[in-house]
Amino acid sequence: MSIFQDIRRWYREITAYRVIDSLKKRGFEAFYVESREEARDLTLKLIPPDTVTIGVGGSVTIRELGLIEILSEKGYRVIHHWIEGLSRNDSRRIRLEEVNADLFLTSVNALTLDGRLILIDGVGNRVAAASFGPRIVIAIAGFNKLVPNLDYGLWRVKNIAMPMNAKRLKLDTPCARLGYCTECLGMERGCRVALILDMKPSMTDNYYVIIVGEDLGF
């Protein structure tokens, strides 16, 4: 490992632990791991043995980690709506089941240095489950999701995360064409519902945040 890689590693770690300290003050249980492999292993360790159902939000990060396949192979009933050909009614039913799962697995769109989580949805099921429903939530954030403050976090969501997600979803929005937010009011707009978690929701038993020293998701 070169001296440059050592410095990058040091910076990611010291920054992550700064965020972890802030998260703990806000009631979250927080961890830092260097790699996606460690993130997968830690996630599996945090799942209680009596867990039956695991809901998964619309997260690129979770899918990059391959967790849906791993959890399904281990016998959990994994509930997720990224299934081609779903009718509107079936999609709604599955999203409701995600909110009622034993455990919810998600990422965030941004995570501030002072420990606030930012999530934005088009439907609202992910922000719902991330704030109320499952007794346990595990949120996994790549290092690219860390931002200095709330204002920058909201800017990041609109101008970095959403254009790429709109492109992925083939939405007919200005951001999918231009790569930045125009605050459109089109019917295909994907950023409709925002959630800012200032503290762990009071009726969530355990809320884990795993920061990964790699870039994950959008």
C-alpha atoms as a PDB file:
ATOM      1  CA  MET A   1       0.000   0.000   0.000  1.00  0.00           C
ATOM      2  CA  SER A   2       1.450   3.371  -1.032  1.00  0.00           C
ATOM      3  CA  ILE A   3       1.792   6.366   1.286  1.00  0.00           C
ATOM      4  CA  PHE A   4      -1.012   8.031  -0.684  1.00  0.00           C
ATOM      5  CA  GLN A   5      -3.348   5.121  -0.018  1.00  0.00           C
ATOM      6  CA  ASP A   6      -2.363   5.205   3.647  1.00  0.00           C
ATOM      7  CA  ILE A   7      -3.300   8.872   3.867  1.00  0.00           C
ATOM      8  CA  ARG A   8      -6.651   8.295   2.172  1.00  0.00           C
ATOM      9  CA  ARG A   9      -7.327   5.398   4.527  1.00  0.00           C
ATOM     10  CA  TRP A  10      -6.431   7.547   7.540  1.00  0.00           C
ATOM     11  CA  TYR A  11      -8.696  10.372   6.365  1.00  0.00           C
ATOM     12  CA  ARG A  12     -11.688   8.102   5.763  1.00  0.00           C
ATOM     13  CA  GLU A  13     -11.293   6.454   9.152  1.00  0.00           C
ATOM     14  CA  ILE A  14     -10.831   9.618  11.212  1.00  0.00           C
ATOM     15  CA  THR A  15     -13.779  11.284   9.434  1.00  0.00           C
ATOM     16  CA  ALA A  16     -16.004   8.249   9.877  1.00  0.00           C
ATOM     17  CA  TYR A  17     -15.325   8.112  13.612  1.00  0.00           C
ATOM     18  CA  ARG A  18     -16.167  11.782  13.883  1.00  0.00           C
ATOM     19  CA  VAL A  19     -19.570  10.985  12.378  1.00  0.00           C
ATOM     20  CA  ILE A  20     -19.957   7.900  14.578  1.00  0.00           C
ATOM     21  CA  ASP A  21     -19.454  10.005  17.693  1.00  0.00           C
ATOM     22  CA  SER A  22     -22.218  12.343  16.491  1.00  0.00           C
ATOM     23  CA  LEU A  23     -24.537   9.445  15.641  1.00  0.00           C
ATOM     24  CA  LYS A  24     -24.135   7.892  19.090  1.00  0.00           C
ATOM     25  CA  LYS A  25     -25.096  11.175  20.741  1.00  0.00           C
ATOM     26  CA  ARG A  26     -28.305  11.042  18.697  1.00  0.00           C
ATOM     27  CA  GLY A  27     -29.205   7.537  19.860  1.00  0.00           C
ATOM     28  CA  PHE A  28     -27.943   5.500  16.905  1.00  0.00           C
ATOM     29  CA  GLU A  29     -25.550   2.570  17.131  1.00  0.00           C
ATOM     30  CA  ALA A  30     -22.815   3.234  14.624  1.00  0.00           C
ATOM     31  CA  PHE A  31     -19.861   1.374  13.127  1.00  0.00           C
ATOM     32  CA  TYR A  32     -17.073   1.917  10.623  1.00  0.00           C
ATOM     33  CA  VAL A  33     -15.731  -0.773   8.314  1.00  0.00           C
ATOM     34  CA  GLU A  34     -13.150  -0.340   5.575  1.00  0.00           C
ATOM     35  CA  SER A  35     -14.615  -2.585   2.899  1.00  0.00           C
ATOM     36  CA  ARG A  36     -17.880  -3.839   1.441  1.00  0.00           C
ATOM     37  CA  GLU A  37     -16.933  -7.366   2.496  1.00  0.00           C
ATOM     38  CA  GLU A  38     -16.722  -6.222   6.121  1.00  0.00           C
ATOM     39  CA  ALA A  39     -20.034  -4.376   5.693  1.00  0.00           C
ATOM     40  CA  ARG A  40     -21.730  -7.605   4.567  1.00  0.00           C
ATOM     41  CA  ASP A  41     -20.268  -9.569   7.466  1.00  0.00           C
ATOM     42  CA  LEU A  42     -21.264  -6.956  10.051  1.00  0.00           C
ATOM     43  CA  THR A  43     -24.793  -6.696   8.673  1.00  0.00           C
ATOM     44  CA  LEU A  44     -25.280 -10.452   9.054  1.00  0.00           C
ATOM     45  CA  LYS A  45     -23.994 -10.316  12.648  1.00  0.00           C
ATOM     46  CA  LEU A  46     -26.436  -7.537  13.554  1.00  0.00           C
ATOM     47  CA  ILE A  47     -29.519  -9.494  12.460  1.00  0.00           C
ATOM     48  CA  PRO A  48     -31.149 -11.133  15.519  1.00  0.00           C
ATOM     49  CA  PRO A  49     -31.608 -14.925  15.311  1.00  0.00           C
ATOM     50  CA  ASP A  50     -35.402 -14.658  15.630  1.00  0.00           C
ATOM     51  CA  THR A  51     -35.712 -12.438  12.544  1.00  0.00           C
ATOM     52  CA  VAL A  52     -38.079 -13.840   9.921  1.00  0.00           C
ATOM     53  CA  THR A  53     -38.808 -11.011   7.478  1.00  0.00           C
ATOM     54  CA  ILE A  54     -36.386  -8.416   6.138  1.00  0.00           C
ATOM     55  CA  GLY A  55     -37.634  -5.460   4.119  1.00  0.00           C
ATOM     56  CA  VAL A  56     -35.289  -3.813   1.643  1.00  0.00           C
ATOM     57  CA  GLY A  57     -35.826  -0.287   0.374  1.00  0.00           C
ATOM     58  CA  GLY A  58     -34.990   1.016  -3.070  1.00  0.00           C
ATOM     59  CA  SER A  59     -31.254   1.072  -2.415  1.00  0.00           C
ATOM     60  CA  VAL A  60     -28.441   0.677  -4.943  1.00  0.00           C
ATOM     61  CA  THR A  61     -26.009   0.227  -2.027  1.00  0.00           C
ATOM     62  CA  ILE A  62     -27.794  -2.847  -0.651  1.00  0.00           C
ATOM     63  CA  ARG A  63     -27.840  -4.426  -4.092  1.00  0.00           C
ATOM     64  CA  GLU A  64     -24.174  -3.609  -4.746  1.00  0.00           C
ATOM     65  CA  LEU A  65     -23.380  -5.520  -1.559  1.00  0.00           C
ATOM     66  CA  GLY A  66     -25.344  -8.546  -2.794  1.00  0.00           C
ATOM     67  CA  LEU A  67     -27.267  -8.732   0.463  1.00  0.00           C
ATOM     68  CA  ILE A  68     -30.619  -9.732  -1.023  1.00  0.00           C
ATOM     69  CA  GLU A  69     -29.147 -12.903  -2.485  1.00  0.00           C
ATOM     70  CA  ILE A  70     -27.102 -13.719   0.628  1.00  0.00           C
ATOM     71  CA  LEU A  71     -30.038 -13.224   2.995  1.00  0.00           C
ATOM     72  CA  SER A  72     -32.383 -15.255   0.788  1.00  0.00           C
ATOM     73  CA  GLU A  73     -29.889 -18.132   0.718  1.00  0.00           C
ATOM     74  CA  LYS A  74     -29.768 -18.030   4.522  1.00  0.00           C
ATOM     75  CA  GLY A  75     -33.522 -18.603   4.695  1.00  0.00           C
ATOM     76  CA  TYR A  76     -34.833 -15.133   5.515  1.00  0.00           C
ATOM     77  CA  ARG A  77     -37.968 -13.930   3.775  1.00  0.00           C
ATOM     78  CA  VAL A  78     -36.588 -10.907   1.956  1.00  0.00           C
ATOM     79  CA  ILE A  79     -39.254  -8.439   0.848  1.00  0.00           C
ATOM     80  CA  HIS A  80     -38.319  -6.020  -1.928  1.00  0.00           C
ATOM     81  CA  HIS A  81     -40.091  -4.352  -4.824  1.00  0.00           C
ATOM     82  CA  TRP A  82     -37.364  -4.257  -7.486  1.00  0.00           C
ATOM     83  CA  ILE A  83     -39.137  -6.946  -9.495  1.00  0.00           C
ATOM     84  CA  GLU A  84     -39.871  -6.494 -13.187  1.00  0.00           C
ATOM     85  CA  GLY A  85     -43.450  -6.606 -14.369  1.00  0.00           C
ATOM     86  CA  LEU A  86     -45.149  -5.826 -11.050  1.00  0.00           C
ATOM     87  CA  SER A  87     -48.595  -4.308 -11.285  1.00  0.00           C
ATOM     88  CA  ARG A  88     -49.241  -1.072  -9.410  1.00  0.00           C
ATOM     89  CA  ASN A  89     -51.312  -2.982  -6.836  1.00  0.00           C
ATOM     90  CA  ASP A  90     -48.634  -5.637  -6.313  1.00  0.00           C
ATOM     91  CA  SER A  91     -45.947  -2.973  -6.007  1.00  0.00           C
ATOM     92  CA  ARG A  92     -47.983  -1.172  -3.353  1.00  0.00           C
ATOM     93  CA  ARG A  93     -48.649  -4.427  -1.469  1.00  0.00           C
ATOM     94  CA  ILE A  94     -44.972  -5.351  -1.390  1.00  0.00           C
ATOM     95  CA  ARG A  95     -43.950  -1.876  -0.240  1.00  0.00           C
ATOM     96  CA  LEU A  96     -46.445  -2.115   2.621  1.00  0.00           C
ATOM     97  CA  GLU A  97     -44.937  -5.474   3.585  1.00  0.00           C
ATOM     98  CA  GLU A  98     -41.482  -3.850   3.660  1.00  0.00           C
ATOM     99  CA  VAL A  99     -42.755  -1.343   6.211  1.00  0.00           C
ATOM    100  CA  ASN A 100     -44.144  -4.188   8.362  1.00  0.00           C
ATOM    101  CA  ALA A 101     -41.036  -6.391   8.224  1.00  0.00           C
ATOM    102  CA  ASP A 102     -39.132  -7.439  11.356  1.00  0.00           C
ATOM    103  CA  LEU A 103     -36.043  -5.623  10.114  1.00  0.00           C
ATOM    104  CA  PHE A 104     -35.499  -2.969   7.454  1.00  0.00           C
ATOM    105  CA  LEU A 105     -32.344  -2.712   5.390  1.00  0.00           C
ATOM    106  CA  THR A 106     -31.579   0.531   3.594  1.00  0.00           C
ATOM    107  CA  SER A 107     -29.009   3.125   2.724  1.00  0.00           C
ATOM    108  CA  VAL A 108     -29.247   6.904   3.006  1.00  0.00           C
ATOM    109  CA  ASN A 109     -28.902   9.660   0.438  1.00  0.00           C
ATOM    110  CA  ALA A 110     -26.659  11.696   2.719  1.00  0.00           C
ATOM    111  CA  LEU A 111     -25.169  11.517   6.216  1.00  0.00           C
ATOM    112  CA  THR A 112     -24.002  14.715   7.876  1.00  0.00           C
ATOM    113  CA  LEU A 113     -20.888  15.106   9.977  1.00  0.00           C
ATOM    114  CA  ASP A 114     -23.095  15.983  12.935  1.00  0.00           C
ATOM    115  CA  GLY A 115     -24.975  12.696  12.627  1.00  0.00           C
ATOM    116  CA  ARG A 116     -28.194  13.406  10.751  1.00  0.00           C
ATOM    117  CA  LEU A 117     -29.556  10.986   8.157  1.00  0.00           C
ATOM    118  CA  ILE A 118     -31.204  12.272   4.972  1.00  0.00           C
ATOM    119  CA  LEU A 119     -33.438  10.095   2.782  1.00  0.00           C
ATOM    120  CA  ILE A 120     -35.588  11.192  -0.151  1.00  0.00           C
ATOM    121  CA  ASP A 121     -38.156   9.064  -2.017  1.00  0.00           C
ATOM    122  CA  GLY A 122     -40.583   9.268  -4.849  1.00  0.00           C
ATOM    123  CA  VAL A 123     -43.187   6.939  -3.305  1.00  0.00           C
ATOM    124  CA  GLY A 124     -42.447   7.315   0.408  1.00  0.00           C
ATOM    125  CA  ASN A 125     -42.215   3.664   1.439  1.00  0.00           C
ATOM    126  CA  ARG A 126     -38.497   3.809   2.203  1.00  0.00           C
ATOM    127  CA  VAL A 127     -38.696   6.945   4.324  1.00  0.00           C
ATOM    128  CA  ALA A 128     -41.711   5.418   6.088  1.00  0.00           C
ATOM    129  CA  ALA A 129     -39.917   2.186   6.977  1.00  0.00           C
ATOM    130  CA  ALA A 130     -36.754   4.059   7.933  1.00  0.00           C
ATOM    131  CA  SER A 131     -38.692   6.033  10.540  1.00  0.00           C
ATOM    132  CA  PHE A 132     -41.488   3.732  11.771  1.00  0.00           C
ATOM    133  CA  GLY A 133     -42.558   0.110  11.379  1.00  0.00           C
ATOM    134  CA  PRO A 134     -39.686  -2.366  11.630  1.00  0.00           C
ATOM    135  CA  ARG A 135     -38.289  -2.672  15.135  1.00  0.00           C
ATOM    136  CA  ILE A 136     -34.750  -2.825  13.764  1.00  0.00           C
ATOM    137  CA  VAL A 137     -33.211  -0.723  10.986  1.00  0.00           C
ATOM    138  CA  ILE A 138     -29.769  -1.170   9.459  1.00  0.00           C
ATOM    139  CA  ALA A 139     -28.623   1.757   7.304  1.00  0.00           C
ATOM    140  CA  ILE A 140     -25.426   1.299   5.290  1.00  0.00           C
ATOM    141  CA  ALA A 141     -23.671   4.370   3.887  1.00  0.00           C
ATOM    142  CA  GLY A 142     -20.679   4.481   1.595  1.00  0.00           C
ATOM    143  CA  PHE A 143     -18.077   7.152   2.307  1.00  0.00           C
ATOM    144  CA  ASN A 144     -19.391   9.147  -0.653  1.00  0.00           C
ATOM    145  CA  LYS A 145     -22.615   9.809   1.302  1.00  0.00           C
ATOM    146  CA  LEU A 146     -20.843  11.829   4.037  1.00  0.00           C
ATOM    147  CA  VAL A 147     -21.512  15.572   3.818  1.00  0.00           C
ATOM    148  CA  PRO A 148     -20.488  18.552   5.972  1.00  0.00           C
ATOM    149  CA  ASN A 149     -23.982  19.770   6.854  1.00  0.00           C
ATOM    150  CA  LEU A 150     -27.701  19.504   6.216  1.00  0.00           C
ATOM    151  CA  ASP A 151     -27.784  22.120   3.448  1.00  0.00           C
ATOM    152  CA  TYR A 152     -25.080  20.355   1.497  1.00  0.00           C
ATOM    153  CA  GLY A 153     -26.763  17.022   2.147  1.00  0.00           C
ATOM    154  CA  LEU A 154     -30.004  18.210   0.580  1.00  0.00           C
ATOM    155  CA  TRP A 155     -28.045  19.677  -2.328  1.00  0.00           C
ATOM    156  CA  ARG A 156     -26.257  16.352  -2.764  1.00  0.00           C
ATOM    157  CA  VAL A 157     -29.529  14.446  -2.923  1.00  0.00           C
ATOM    158  CA  LYS A 158     -30.991  16.730  -5.593  1.00  0.00           C
ATOM    159  CA  ASN A 159     -27.869  17.213  -7.711  1.00  0.00           C
ATOM    160  CA  ILE A 160     -25.896  13.987  -7.350  1.00  0.00           C
ATOM    161  CA  ALA A 161     -28.086  11.120  -6.170  1.00  0.00           C
ATOM    162  CA  MET A 162     -31.340  11.959  -7.949  1.00  0.00           C
ATOM    163  CA  PRO A 163     -29.967  12.587 -11.462  1.00  0.00           C
ATOM    164  CA  MET A 164     -28.253   9.185 -11.411  1.00  0.00           C
ATOM    165  CA  ASN A 165     -31.315   7.463  -9.968  1.00  0.00           C
ATOM    166  CA  ALA A 166     -33.546   9.164 -12.527  1.00  0.00           C
ATOM    167  CA  LYS A 167     -31.211   7.924 -15.265  1.00  0.00           C
ATOM    168  CA  ARG A 168     -31.302   4.416 -13.785  1.00  0.00           C
ATOM    169  CA  LEU A 169     -35.099   4.438 -13.644  1.00  0.00           C
ATOM    170  CA  LYS A 170     -35.382   5.959 -17.142  1.00  0.00           C
ATOM    171  CA  LEU A 171     -37.499   8.818 -15.811  1.00  0.00           C
ATOM    172  CA  ASP A 172     -38.466  11.646 -18.135  1.00  0.00           C
ATOM    173  CA  THR A 173     -37.118  14.423 -15.916  1.00  0.00           C
ATOM    174  CA  PRO A 174     -34.773  17.358 -16.549  1.00  0.00           C
ATOM    175  CA  CYS A 175     -32.192  15.937 -14.118  1.00  0.00           C
ATOM    176  CA  ALA A 176     -32.035  12.662 -16.089  1.00  0.00           C
ATOM    177  CA  ARG A 177     -31.046  14.702 -19.139  1.00  0.00           C
ATOM    178  CA  LEU A 178     -28.995  17.522 -17.606  1.00  0.00           C
ATOM    179  CA  GLY A 179     -27.396  15.836 -14.594  1.00  0.00           C
ATOM    180  CA  TYR A 180     -28.563  18.449 -12.084  1.00  0.00           C
ATOM    181  CA  CYS A 181     -31.774  19.504 -10.366  1.00  0.00           C
ATOM    182  CA  THR A 182     -34.076  22.139 -11.859  1.00  0.00           C
ATOM    183  CA  GLU A 183     -36.727  21.779  -9.112  1.00  0.00           C
ATOM    184  CA  CYS A 184     -39.143  20.437 -11.705  1.00  0.00           C
ATOM    185  CA  LEU A 185     -42.796  19.722 -10.979  1.00  0.00           C
ATOM    186  CA  GLY A 186     -43.209  16.968 -13.556  1.00  0.00           C
ATOM    187  CA  MET A 187     -45.265  13.879 -12.800  1.00  0.00           C
ATOM    188  CA  GLU A 188     -42.206  11.617 -13.093  1.00  0.00           C
ATOM    189  CA  ARG A 189     -40.230  13.566 -10.486  1.00  0.00           C
ATOM    190  CA  GLY A 190     -38.444  11.085  -8.214  1.00  0.00           C
ATOM    191  CA  CYS A 191     -37.686  13.336  -5.224  1.00  0.00           C
ATOM    192  CA  ARG A 192     -41.081  13.899  -3.612  1.00  0.00           C
ATOM    193  CA  VAL A 193     -40.813  12.882   0.044  1.00  0.00           C
ATOM    194  CA  ALA A 194     -37.920  13.909   2.302  1.00  0.00           C
ATOM    195  CA  LEU A 195     -36.929  12.501   5.689  1.00  0.00           C
ATOM    196  CA  ILE A 196     -34.353  13.970   8.051  1.00  0.00           C
ATOM    197  CA  LEU A 197     -33.576  11.844  11.082  1.00  0.00           C
ATOM    198  CA  ASP A 198     -32.275  14.117  13.824  1.00  0.00           C
ATOM    199  CA  MET A 199     -32.307  11.259  16.349  1.00  0.00           C
ATOM    200  CA  LYS A 200     -33.174   7.578  16.498  1.00  0.00           C
ATOM    201  CA  PRO A 201     -36.968   7.237  16.208  1.00  0.00           C
ATOM    202  CA  SER A 202     -38.298   6.554  19.696  1.00  0.00           C
ATOM    203  CA  MET A 203     -40.223   3.365  18.842  1.00  0.00           C
ATOM    204  CA  THR A 204     -37.400   1.738  16.878  1.00  0.00           C
ATOM    205  CA  ASP A 205     -35.648  -0.757  19.153  1.00  0.00           C
ATOM    206  CA  ASN A 206     -32.261  -0.742  17.415  1.00  0.00           C
ATOM    207  CA  TYR A 207     -31.061   1.598  14.697  1.00  0.00           C
ATOM    208  CA  TYR A 208     -27.674   0.659  13.285  1.00  0.00           C
ATOM    209  CA  VAL A 209     -25.645   2.852  10.926  1.00  0.00           C
ATOM    210  CA  ILE A 210     -22.682   1.277   9.137  1.00  0.00           C
ATOM    211  CA  ILE A 211     -20.247   3.625   7.413  1.00  0.00           C
ATOM    212  CA  VAL A 212     -18.106   1.955   4.756  1.00  0.00           C
ATOM    213  CA  GLY A 213     -14.735   3.276   3.665  1.00  0.00           C
ATOM    214  CA  GLU A 214     -15.645   2.822   0.004  1.00  0.00           C
ATOM    215  CA  ASP A 215     -17.993   4.583  -2.376  1.00  0.00           C
ATOM    216  CA  LEU A 216     -21.342   2.750  -2.601  1.00  0.00           C
ATOM    217  CA  GLY A 217     -24.600   3.635  -4.282  1.00  0.00           C
ATOM    218  CA  PHE A 218     -25.437   7.030  -5.711  1.00  0.00           C
END
